[in-house]
Amino acid sequence: MSCALAINPFDFLRPLIPDSRKASRIVTCSSSGSPDSIATEILGNDGSWNGRALEFEGPTSTLVSGKLLSSPKKITLLRHGLSSWNKENRIQGSSNMSILTEAGVAQAERCRMALSKMHFDLCFSSPISRAKTTAEILWEGREQPMVFLDSLKEAQLYFLEGMKNVDAKKMYPEEFNKWREDPSNFHVNGIYPIRELWKTAREAWLEILFTPGENFLVVTHKSILRALICTALGLGPHRFRAFDIDNGGLTVFSFNERGETMLQNLNMTSHMHTDHLYHY
């Protein structure tokens, strides 16, 4: 009998998972001459705590609840280039006052070059200027249409928007710390922006997935990107900071016709440092 030890691909989330729910490794064993293999999962007390994302018997989750898509989909998610408020270390939220910097334009141009060999049926974008300008640079020279979705707008952070992080921490220490340390429970007048963002992310996925076509580019913002990634993987708002996405970072999902998803790549940034051209 031969055995192979495989590492759970969600082990990078282990520091975020309570001890009673931490996933372990998988040992796959097969007897020589037999086509059958025996896989043993050691998941702890609750292997399905995040909507099957830690199980290996099936896909992570589905976003379409029994409906079928017109075809399999490949979705490339991209965060906008460096903005003026990114550079100034200000809280952006849904404000439209932050614009692409010169460096941000250069990042968008690098993204365009890196994706120049890729075919996309459509480009979806947030209508907020820093994402919209990035998308327009990326889409230059392509004949396929661009679609601007309100569901791809960034989270609304109310009075914190436009403030430098250092000032917000001084003026609103309780609210700022809640936003940084426990964002799913950050609220303003009874409104929980990150919980609302999860609803918006699901709406965005449905709009995108039920659009005819097979290969889409989506340009938007970091917080809504985190929500899109988490909702696709069956993770809740308490996992908001489990992923970080760089300016110009690319994340790729594949969906089958049942809307079941596989995370193919997360926050690819090699094109920011080399003349890499993507083919996937």
C-alpha atoms as a PDB file:
ATOM      1  CA  MET A   1       0.000   0.000   0.000  1.00  0.00           C
ATOM      2  CA  SER A   2       1.249   3.480  -0.862  1.00  0.00           C
ATOM      3  CA  CYS A   3       0.154   6.678   0.805  1.00  0.00           C
ATOM      4  CA  ALA A   4       0.353  10.336  -0.159  1.00  0.00           C
ATOM      5  CA  LEU A   5      -0.007  13.249   2.217  1.00  0.00           C
ATOM      6  CA  ALA A   6      -1.878  16.241   0.813  1.00  0.00           C
ATOM      7  CA  ILE A   7      -2.169  19.608   2.496  1.00  0.00           C
ATOM      8  CA  ASN A   8      -5.600  21.154   2.818  1.00  0.00           C
ATOM      9  CA  PRO A   9      -5.566  24.201   0.484  1.00  0.00           C
ATOM     10  CA  PHE A  10      -7.428  26.148   3.164  1.00  0.00           C
ATOM     11  CA  ASP A  11      -4.608  25.715   5.681  1.00  0.00           C
ATOM     12  CA  PHE A  12      -3.691  29.374   5.062  1.00  0.00           C
ATOM     13  CA  LEU A  13      -6.912  30.214   6.942  1.00  0.00           C
ATOM     14  CA  ARG A  14      -5.902  28.145   9.987  1.00  0.00           C
ATOM     15  CA  PRO A  15      -4.904  31.169  12.113  1.00  0.00           C
ATOM     16  CA  LEU A  16      -8.455  32.495  11.599  1.00  0.00           C
ATOM     17  CA  ILE A  17     -10.254  29.260  12.492  1.00  0.00           C
ATOM     18  CA  PRO A  18     -11.159  28.406  16.102  1.00  0.00           C
ATOM     19  CA  ASP A  19      -9.187  25.415  17.426  1.00  0.00           C
ATOM     20  CA  SER A  20     -12.279  23.205  17.501  1.00  0.00           C
ATOM     21  CA  ARG A  21     -12.812  23.829  13.786  1.00  0.00           C
ATOM     22  CA  LYS A  22      -9.277  23.724  12.399  1.00  0.00           C
ATOM     23  CA  ALA A  23      -8.858  21.483   9.412  1.00  0.00           C
ATOM     24  CA  SER A  24      -6.068  18.975   9.232  1.00  0.00           C
ATOM     25  CA  ARG A  25      -4.387  17.127   6.407  1.00  0.00           C
ATOM     26  CA  ILE A  26      -5.641  14.434   4.064  1.00  0.00           C
ATOM     27  CA  VAL A  27      -3.976  11.061   3.724  1.00  0.00           C
ATOM     28  CA  THR A  28      -4.769   9.262   0.466  1.00  0.00           C
ATOM     29  CA  CYS A  29      -3.853   5.588   0.308  1.00  0.00           C
ATOM     30  CA  SER A  30      -4.182   3.059  -2.500  1.00  0.00           C
ATOM     31  CA  SER A  31      -3.353  -0.621  -2.757  1.00  0.00           C
ATOM     32  CA  SER A  32      -1.083  -1.639  -5.616  1.00  0.00           C
ATOM     33  CA  GLY A  33      -2.996  -3.116  -8.522  1.00  0.00           C
ATOM     34  CA  SER A  34      -6.283  -1.650  -7.320  1.00  0.00           C
ATOM     35  CA  PRO A  35      -7.886   1.358  -9.003  1.00  0.00           C
ATOM     36  CA  ASP A  36      -9.639   2.257  -5.801  1.00  0.00           C
ATOM     37  CA  SER A  37      -8.230   4.724  -3.318  1.00  0.00           C
ATOM     38  CA  ILE A  38      -9.235   5.528   0.184  1.00  0.00           C
ATOM     39  CA  ALA A  39      -9.174   9.150   1.276  1.00  0.00           C
ATOM     40  CA  THR A  40      -9.372   9.977   4.939  1.00  0.00           C
ATOM     41  CA  GLU A  41     -10.288  13.475   6.024  1.00  0.00           C
ATOM     42  CA  ILE A  42      -9.485  14.714   9.489  1.00  0.00           C
ATOM     43  CA  LEU A  43     -11.502  17.866   9.954  1.00  0.00           C
ATOM     44  CA  GLY A  44     -12.082  18.252  13.655  1.00  0.00           C
ATOM     45  CA  ASN A  45     -15.531  18.711  15.162  1.00  0.00           C
ATOM     46  CA  ASP A  46     -17.261  20.472  12.274  1.00  0.00           C
ATOM     47  CA  GLY A  47     -15.994  19.996   8.735  1.00  0.00           C
ATOM     48  CA  SER A  48     -18.761  22.005   7.090  1.00  0.00           C
ATOM     49  CA  TRP A  49     -18.487  25.167   9.178  1.00  0.00           C
ATOM     50  CA  ASN A  50     -18.043  27.502   6.189  1.00  0.00           C
ATOM     51  CA  GLY A  51     -20.429  26.050   3.635  1.00  0.00           C
ATOM     52  CA  ARG A  52     -18.269  23.083   2.528  1.00  0.00           C
ATOM     53  CA  ALA A  53     -15.168  25.155   1.852  1.00  0.00           C
ATOM     54  CA  LEU A  54     -13.112  22.744   3.962  1.00  0.00           C
ATOM     55  CA  GLU A  55     -14.578  19.541   2.536  1.00  0.00           C
ATOM     56  CA  PHE A  56     -13.091  17.621  -0.354  1.00  0.00           C
ATOM     57  CA  GLU A  57     -16.158  15.638  -1.442  1.00  0.00           C
ATOM     58  CA  GLY A  58     -17.636  18.494  -3.464  1.00  0.00           C
ATOM     59  CA  PRO A  59     -17.239  22.097  -4.609  1.00  0.00           C
ATOM     60  CA  THR A  60     -17.020  24.974  -2.186  1.00  0.00           C
ATOM     61  CA  SER A  61     -20.501  26.423  -2.735  1.00  0.00           C
ATOM     62  CA  THR A  62     -23.006  27.509  -5.338  1.00  0.00           C
ATOM     63  CA  LEU A  63     -24.316  31.027  -5.866  1.00  0.00           C
ATOM     64  CA  VAL A  64     -27.348  30.273  -8.034  1.00  0.00           C
ATOM     65  CA  SER A  65     -29.585  28.026  -5.867  1.00  0.00           C
ATOM     66  CA  GLY A  66     -30.669  25.324  -8.282  1.00  0.00           C
ATOM     67  CA  LYS A  67     -30.689  27.424 -11.431  1.00  0.00           C
ATOM     68  CA  LEU A  68     -28.399  26.586 -14.338  1.00  0.00           C
ATOM     69  CA  LEU A  69     -26.076  29.044 -16.036  1.00  0.00           C
ATOM     70  CA  SER A  70     -26.112  29.321 -19.833  1.00  0.00           C
ATOM     71  CA  SER A  71     -22.518  28.052 -19.908  1.00  0.00           C
ATOM     72  CA  PRO A  72     -19.471  27.591 -17.667  1.00  0.00           C
ATOM     73  CA  LYS A  73     -17.851  30.908 -16.744  1.00  0.00           C
ATOM     74  CA  LYS A  74     -14.361  32.168 -16.057  1.00  0.00           C
ATOM     75  CA  ILE A  75     -14.337  35.435 -14.104  1.00  0.00           C
ATOM     76  CA  THR A  76     -11.236  37.588 -13.665  1.00  0.00           C
ATOM     77  CA  LEU A  77     -11.514  40.056 -10.765  1.00  0.00           C
ATOM     78  CA  LEU A  78      -9.166  43.044 -10.748  1.00  0.00           C
ATOM     79  CA  ARG A  79      -8.644  45.812  -8.204  1.00  0.00           C
ATOM     80  CA  HIS A  80      -8.246  49.355  -9.530  1.00  0.00           C
ATOM     81  CA  GLY A  81      -4.828  51.027  -9.717  1.00  0.00           C
ATOM     82  CA  LEU A  82      -3.328  53.179  -6.978  1.00  0.00           C
ATOM     83  CA  SER A  83      -5.613  56.102  -6.186  1.00  0.00           C
ATOM     84  CA  SER A  84      -4.952  59.511  -4.666  1.00  0.00           C
ATOM     85  CA  TRP A  85      -6.528  58.475  -1.355  1.00  0.00           C
ATOM     86  CA  ASN A  86      -4.609  55.182  -1.350  1.00  0.00           C
ATOM     87  CA  LYS A  87      -1.444  57.258  -1.630  1.00  0.00           C
ATOM     88  CA  GLU A  88      -2.560  59.662   1.113  1.00  0.00           C
ATOM     89  CA  ASN A  89      -3.639  56.781   3.384  1.00  0.00           C
ATOM     90  CA  ARG A  90      -7.235  57.982   3.497  1.00  0.00           C
ATOM     91  CA  ILE A  91     -10.348  55.879   4.006  1.00  0.00           C
ATOM     92  CA  GLN A  92     -12.068  55.730   0.623  1.00  0.00           C
ATOM     93  CA  GLY A  93     -15.337  53.843   0.906  1.00  0.00           C
ATOM     94  CA  SER A  94     -17.914  54.768  -1.710  1.00  0.00           C
ATOM     95  CA  SER A  95     -16.611  58.308  -2.218  1.00  0.00           C
ATOM     96  CA  ASN A  96     -16.041  59.346  -5.832  1.00  0.00           C
ATOM     97  CA  MET A  97     -13.435  61.993  -4.923  1.00  0.00           C
ATOM     98  CA  SER A  98     -10.403  59.689  -5.019  1.00  0.00           C
ATOM     99  CA  ILE A  99      -8.880  59.449  -8.511  1.00  0.00           C
ATOM    100  CA  LEU A 100      -6.143  57.388 -10.154  1.00  0.00           C
ATOM    101  CA  THR A 101      -2.627  58.655  -9.561  1.00  0.00           C
ATOM    102  CA  GLU A 102       0.059  58.630 -12.226  1.00  0.00           C
ATOM    103  CA  ALA A 103       1.317  55.395 -10.684  1.00  0.00           C
ATOM    104  CA  GLY A 104      -2.230  54.018 -10.779  1.00  0.00           C
ATOM    105  CA  VAL A 105      -2.520  54.765 -14.486  1.00  0.00           C
ATOM    106  CA  ALA A 106       0.794  52.971 -15.058  1.00  0.00           C
ATOM    107  CA  GLN A 107      -0.513  49.976 -13.095  1.00  0.00           C
ATOM    108  CA  ALA A 108      -3.658  49.870 -15.209  1.00  0.00           C
ATOM    109  CA  GLU A 109      -1.527  49.954 -18.352  1.00  0.00           C
ATOM    110  CA  ARG A 110       0.549  47.048 -17.051  1.00  0.00           C
ATOM    111  CA  CYS A 111      -2.672  45.120 -16.410  1.00  0.00           C
ATOM    112  CA  ARG A 112      -3.839  45.851 -19.954  1.00  0.00           C
ATOM    113  CA  MET A 113      -0.587  44.523 -21.389  1.00  0.00           C
ATOM    114  CA  ALA A 114      -0.633  41.449 -19.131  1.00  0.00           C
ATOM    115  CA  LEU A 115      -4.165  40.582 -20.301  1.00  0.00           C
ATOM    116  CA  SER A 116      -3.620  41.527 -23.955  1.00  0.00           C
ATOM    117  CA  LYS A 117      -3.653  37.877 -25.095  1.00  0.00           C
ATOM    118  CA  MET A 118      -6.829  37.086 -23.170  1.00  0.00           C
ATOM    119  CA  HIS A 119     -10.294  37.178 -24.719  1.00  0.00           C
ATOM    120  CA  PHE A 120     -13.114  38.608 -22.625  1.00  0.00           C
ATOM    121  CA  ASP A 121     -16.748  38.712 -23.693  1.00  0.00           C
ATOM    122  CA  LEU A 122     -17.531  41.679 -21.441  1.00  0.00           C
ATOM    123  CA  CYS A 123     -15.959  44.008 -18.908  1.00  0.00           C
ATOM    124  CA  PHE A 124     -17.963  44.781 -15.778  1.00  0.00           C
ATOM    125  CA  SER A 125     -16.867  47.721 -13.646  1.00  0.00           C
ATOM    126  CA  SER A 126     -17.808  49.820 -10.679  1.00  0.00           C
ATOM    127  CA  PRO A 127     -18.946  53.274 -11.860  1.00  0.00           C
ATOM    128  CA  ILE A 128     -16.798  54.965  -9.175  1.00  0.00           C
ATOM    129  CA  SER A 129     -14.073  56.948 -10.943  1.00  0.00           C
ATOM    130  CA  ARG A 130     -10.939  55.144  -9.732  1.00  0.00           C
ATOM    131  CA  ALA A 131     -12.316  51.787 -10.904  1.00  0.00           C
ATOM    132  CA  LYS A 132     -14.029  53.209 -13.993  1.00  0.00           C
ATOM    133  CA  THR A 133     -10.815  54.878 -15.208  1.00  0.00           C
ATOM    134  CA  THR A 134      -8.854  51.661 -14.593  1.00  0.00           C
ATOM    135  CA  ALA A 135     -11.426  49.683 -16.597  1.00  0.00           C
ATOM    136  CA  GLU A 136     -11.369  52.180 -19.465  1.00  0.00           C
ATOM    137  CA  ILE A 137      -7.565  51.904 -19.691  1.00  0.00           C
ATOM    138  CA  LEU A 138      -7.751  48.108 -19.568  1.00  0.00           C
ATOM    139  CA  TRP A 139     -10.468  47.949 -22.210  1.00  0.00           C
ATOM    140  CA  GLU A 140      -8.813  50.329 -24.674  1.00  0.00           C
ATOM    141  CA  GLY A 141      -8.823  48.843 -28.189  1.00  0.00           C
ATOM    142  CA  ARG A 142     -11.404  46.143 -27.440  1.00  0.00           C
ATOM    143  CA  GLU A 143     -14.730  46.084 -29.248  1.00  0.00           C
ATOM    144  CA  GLN A 144     -16.714  44.187 -26.638  1.00  0.00           C
ATOM    145  CA  PRO A 145     -18.964  46.326 -24.421  1.00  0.00           C
ATOM    146  CA  MET A 146     -18.362  47.639 -20.912  1.00  0.00           C
ATOM    147  CA  VAL A 147     -21.067  47.349 -18.259  1.00  0.00           C
ATOM    148  CA  PHE A 148     -21.094  49.531 -15.131  1.00  0.00           C
ATOM    149  CA  LEU A 149     -22.831  47.935 -12.139  1.00  0.00           C
ATOM    150  CA  ASP A 150     -23.872  49.759  -8.974  1.00  0.00           C
ATOM    151  CA  SER A 151     -23.519  46.411  -7.187  1.00  0.00           C
ATOM    152  CA  LEU A 152     -19.745  46.688  -7.742  1.00  0.00           C
ATOM    153  CA  LYS A 153     -19.464  49.969  -5.819  1.00  0.00           C
ATOM    154  CA  GLU A 154     -17.304  50.068  -2.715  1.00  0.00           C
ATOM    155  CA  ALA A 155     -18.708  49.792   0.814  1.00  0.00           C
ATOM    156  CA  GLN A 156     -20.176  52.994   2.228  1.00  0.00           C
ATOM    157  CA  LEU A 157     -18.234  54.047   5.326  1.00  0.00           C
ATOM    158  CA  TYR A 158     -20.108  57.254   6.104  1.00  0.00           C
ATOM    159  CA  PHE A 159     -18.251  59.815   8.246  1.00  0.00           C
ATOM    160  CA  LEU A 160     -14.949  57.917   7.965  1.00  0.00           C
ATOM    161  CA  GLU A 161     -14.725  58.475   4.201  1.00  0.00           C
ATOM    162  CA  GLY A 162     -12.010  60.928   3.223  1.00  0.00           C
ATOM    163  CA  MET A 163     -10.354  60.900   6.627  1.00  0.00           C
ATOM    164  CA  LYS A 164      -6.724  59.915   7.002  1.00  0.00           C
ATOM    165  CA  ASN A 165      -6.455  56.733   9.012  1.00  0.00           C
ATOM    166  CA  VAL A 166      -4.362  58.426  11.681  1.00  0.00           C
ATOM    167  CA  ASP A 167      -6.985  61.197  12.116  1.00  0.00           C
ATOM    168  CA  ALA A 168      -9.916  58.772  12.159  1.00  0.00           C
ATOM    169  CA  LYS A 169      -8.200  56.757  14.875  1.00  0.00           C
ATOM    170  CA  LYS A 170      -7.796  59.886  17.012  1.00  0.00           C
ATOM    171  CA  MET A 171     -11.257  61.392  16.435  1.00  0.00           C
ATOM    172  CA  TYR A 172     -13.349  58.205  16.425  1.00  0.00           C
ATOM    173  CA  PRO A 173     -11.242  55.609  18.274  1.00  0.00           C
ATOM    174  CA  GLU A 174     -14.097  53.229  19.083  1.00  0.00           C
ATOM    175  CA  GLU A 175     -15.589  53.256  15.597  1.00  0.00           C
ATOM    176  CA  PHE A 176     -12.199  53.125  13.865  1.00  0.00           C
ATOM    177  CA  ASN A 177     -10.997  50.189  15.964  1.00  0.00           C
ATOM    178  CA  LYS A 178     -14.239  48.342  15.298  1.00  0.00           C
ATOM    179  CA  TRP A 179     -13.773  48.916  11.567  1.00  0.00           C
ATOM    180  CA  ARG A 180     -10.187  47.671  11.679  1.00  0.00           C
ATOM    181  CA  GLU A 181     -10.491  44.821  14.193  1.00  0.00           C
ATOM    182  CA  ASP A 182     -14.088  43.609  13.861  1.00  0.00           C
ATOM    183  CA  PRO A 183     -15.397  44.982  10.547  1.00  0.00           C
ATOM    184  CA  SER A 184     -18.464  42.739  10.301  1.00  0.00           C
ATOM    185  CA  ASN A 185     -19.751  44.348  13.509  1.00  0.00           C
ATOM    186  CA  PHE A 186     -18.827  47.922  12.569  1.00  0.00           C
ATOM    187  CA  HIS A 187     -22.074  49.885  12.320  1.00  0.00           C
ATOM    188  CA  VAL A 188     -23.385  53.417  11.883  1.00  0.00           C
ATOM    189  CA  ASN A 189     -26.899  54.197  13.124  1.00  0.00           C
ATOM    190  CA  GLY A 190     -27.827  50.524  13.016  1.00  0.00           C
ATOM    191  CA  ILE A 191     -26.414  49.939   9.510  1.00  0.00           C
ATOM    192  CA  TYR A 192     -23.659  47.330   9.173  1.00  0.00           C
ATOM    193  CA  PRO A 193     -21.719  48.226   5.993  1.00  0.00           C
ATOM    194  CA  ILE A 194     -19.834  44.928   5.644  1.00  0.00           C
ATOM    195  CA  ARG A 195     -22.940  42.809   6.173  1.00  0.00           C
ATOM    196  CA  GLU A 196     -24.684  44.938   3.553  1.00  0.00           C
ATOM    197  CA  LEU A 197     -21.667  44.438   1.283  1.00  0.00           C
ATOM    198  CA  TRP A 198     -22.205  40.658   1.390  1.00  0.00           C
ATOM    199  CA  LYS A 199     -25.738  41.171   0.079  1.00  0.00           C
ATOM    200  CA  THR A 200     -24.428  43.478  -2.635  1.00  0.00           C
ATOM    201  CA  ALA A 201     -21.715  40.982  -3.597  1.00  0.00           C
ATOM    202  CA  ARG A 202     -24.299  38.231  -4.089  1.00  0.00           C
ATOM    203  CA  GLU A 203     -26.347  40.596  -6.259  1.00  0.00           C
ATOM    204  CA  ALA A 204     -23.248  41.376  -8.334  1.00  0.00           C
ATOM    205  CA  TRP A 205     -22.455  37.687  -8.796  1.00  0.00           C
ATOM    206  CA  LEU A 206     -25.975  36.961 -10.033  1.00  0.00           C
ATOM    207  CA  GLU A 207     -25.868  39.872 -12.483  1.00  0.00           C
ATOM    208  CA  ILE A 208     -22.513  38.701 -13.816  1.00  0.00           C
ATOM    209  CA  LEU A 209     -23.148  34.945 -13.880  1.00  0.00           C
ATOM    210  CA  PHE A 210     -26.498  35.178 -15.667  1.00  0.00           C
ATOM    211  CA  THR A 211     -25.094  37.408 -18.416  1.00  0.00           C
ATOM    212  CA  PRO A 212     -24.528  35.475 -21.687  1.00  0.00           C
ATOM    213  CA  GLY A 213     -20.851  34.796 -22.314  1.00  0.00           C
ATOM    214  CA  GLU A 214     -18.090  32.652 -20.866  1.00  0.00           C
ATOM    215  CA  ASN A 215     -15.140  34.887 -19.996  1.00  0.00           C
ATOM    216  CA  PHE A 216     -15.616  38.150 -18.106  1.00  0.00           C
ATOM    217  CA  LEU A 217     -13.356  40.824 -16.623  1.00  0.00           C
ATOM    218  CA  VAL A 218     -14.546  42.596 -13.452  1.00  0.00           C
ATOM    219  CA  VAL A 219     -12.848  45.808 -12.226  1.00  0.00           C
ATOM    220  CA  THR A 220     -13.722  47.083  -8.779  1.00  0.00           C
ATOM    221  CA  HIS A 221     -12.503  47.899  -5.224  1.00  0.00           C
ATOM    222  CA  LYS A 222     -10.799  46.024  -2.392  1.00  0.00           C
ATOM    223  CA  SER A 223     -13.681  45.668   0.066  1.00  0.00           C
ATOM    224  CA  ILE A 224     -16.237  44.532  -2.499  1.00  0.00           C
ATOM    225  CA  LEU A 225     -13.565  42.212  -3.967  1.00  0.00           C
ATOM    226  CA  ARG A 226     -13.127  40.641  -0.540  1.00  0.00           C
ATOM    227  CA  ALA A 227     -16.901  40.171  -0.356  1.00  0.00           C
ATOM    228  CA  LEU A 228     -17.033  38.678  -3.877  1.00  0.00           C
ATOM    229  CA  ILE A 229     -14.251  36.214  -3.037  1.00  0.00           C
ATOM    230  CA  CYS A 230     -15.761  35.231   0.300  1.00  0.00           C
ATOM    231  CA  THR A 231     -19.313  34.800  -0.979  1.00  0.00           C
ATOM    232  CA  ALA A 232     -18.041  32.643  -3.852  1.00  0.00           C
ATOM    233  CA  LEU A 233     -16.236  30.424  -1.318  1.00  0.00           C
ATOM    234  CA  GLY A 234     -19.105  30.263   1.157  1.00  0.00           C
ATOM    235  CA  LEU A 235     -17.389  32.446   3.763  1.00  0.00           C
ATOM    236  CA  GLY A 236     -19.284  34.923   5.929  1.00  0.00           C
ATOM    237  CA  PRO A 237     -18.634  38.600   6.740  1.00  0.00           C
ATOM    238  CA  HIS A 238     -16.509  37.662   9.770  1.00  0.00           C
ATOM    239  CA  ARG A 239     -13.879  36.502   7.220  1.00  0.00           C
ATOM    240  CA  PHE A 240     -13.706  39.958   5.624  1.00  0.00           C
ATOM    241  CA  ARG A 241      -9.985  40.421   6.299  1.00  0.00           C
ATOM    242  CA  ALA A 242      -9.011  36.830   5.445  1.00  0.00           C
ATOM    243  CA  PHE A 243      -7.842  38.012   2.013  1.00  0.00           C
ATOM    244  CA  ASP A 244      -5.889  41.042   0.886  1.00  0.00           C
ATOM    245  CA  ILE A 245      -5.933  42.324  -2.685  1.00  0.00           C
ATOM    246  CA  ASP A 246      -3.245  44.648  -4.054  1.00  0.00           C
ATOM    247  CA  ASN A 247      -3.827  47.491  -6.500  1.00  0.00           C
ATOM    248  CA  GLY A 248      -3.881  45.809  -9.904  1.00  0.00           C
ATOM    249  CA  GLY A 249      -4.067  42.327  -8.342  1.00  0.00           C
ATOM    250  CA  LEU A 250      -5.878  39.643 -10.362  1.00  0.00           C
ATOM    251  CA  THR A 251      -8.095  36.903  -8.926  1.00  0.00           C
ATOM    252  CA  VAL A 252      -9.633  34.221 -11.151  1.00  0.00           C
ATOM    253  CA  PHE A 253     -12.699  32.039 -10.515  1.00  0.00           C
ATOM    254  CA  SER A 254     -14.147  29.243 -12.644  1.00  0.00           C
ATOM    255  CA  PHE A 255     -17.849  28.354 -12.421  1.00  0.00           C
ATOM    256  CA  ASN A 256     -19.586  25.315 -13.845  1.00  0.00           C
ATOM    257  CA  GLU A 257     -23.153  25.423 -15.168  1.00  0.00           C
ATOM    258  CA  ARG A 258     -24.542  24.714 -11.691  1.00  0.00           C
ATOM    259  CA  GLY A 259     -22.830  27.831 -10.380  1.00  0.00           C
ATOM    260  CA  GLU A 260     -20.320  25.827  -8.347  1.00  0.00           C
ATOM    261  CA  THR A 261     -17.036  27.631  -8.125  1.00  0.00           C
ATOM    262  CA  MET A 262     -13.314  26.970  -7.985  1.00  0.00           C
ATOM    263  CA  LEU A 263     -10.781  29.604  -6.972  1.00  0.00           C
ATOM    264  CA  GLN A 264      -8.126  29.343  -9.672  1.00  0.00           C
ATOM    265  CA  ASN A 265      -5.778  32.211  -8.733  1.00  0.00           C
ATOM    266  CA  LEU A 266      -5.707  34.744  -5.899  1.00  0.00           C
ATOM    267  CA  ASN A 267      -4.198  38.239  -6.094  1.00  0.00           C
ATOM    268  CA  MET A 268      -1.748  37.593  -8.952  1.00  0.00           C
ATOM    269  CA  THR A 269       0.698  40.500  -9.218  1.00  0.00           C
ATOM    270  CA  SER A 270       3.636  39.175 -11.278  1.00  0.00           C
ATOM    271  CA  HIS A 271       2.623  41.531 -14.093  1.00  0.00           C
ATOM    272  CA  MET A 272       3.417  44.463 -11.820  1.00  0.00           C
ATOM    273  CA  HIS A 273       7.076  43.494 -11.699  1.00  0.00           C
ATOM    274  CA  THR A 274       7.696  41.771 -15.037  1.00  0.00           C
ATOM    275  CA  ASP A 275       6.340  41.816 -18.587  1.00  0.00           C
ATOM    276  CA  HIS A 276       4.364  38.650 -17.882  1.00  0.00           C
ATOM    277  CA  LEU A 277       1.473  37.826 -20.251  1.00  0.00           C
ATOM    278  CA  TYR A 278      -1.351  35.724 -18.839  1.00  0.00           C
ATOM    279  CA  HIS A 279      -2.827  32.679 -20.573  1.00  0.00           C
ATOM    280  CA  TYR A 280      -5.481  30.798 -18.632  1.00  0.00           C
END
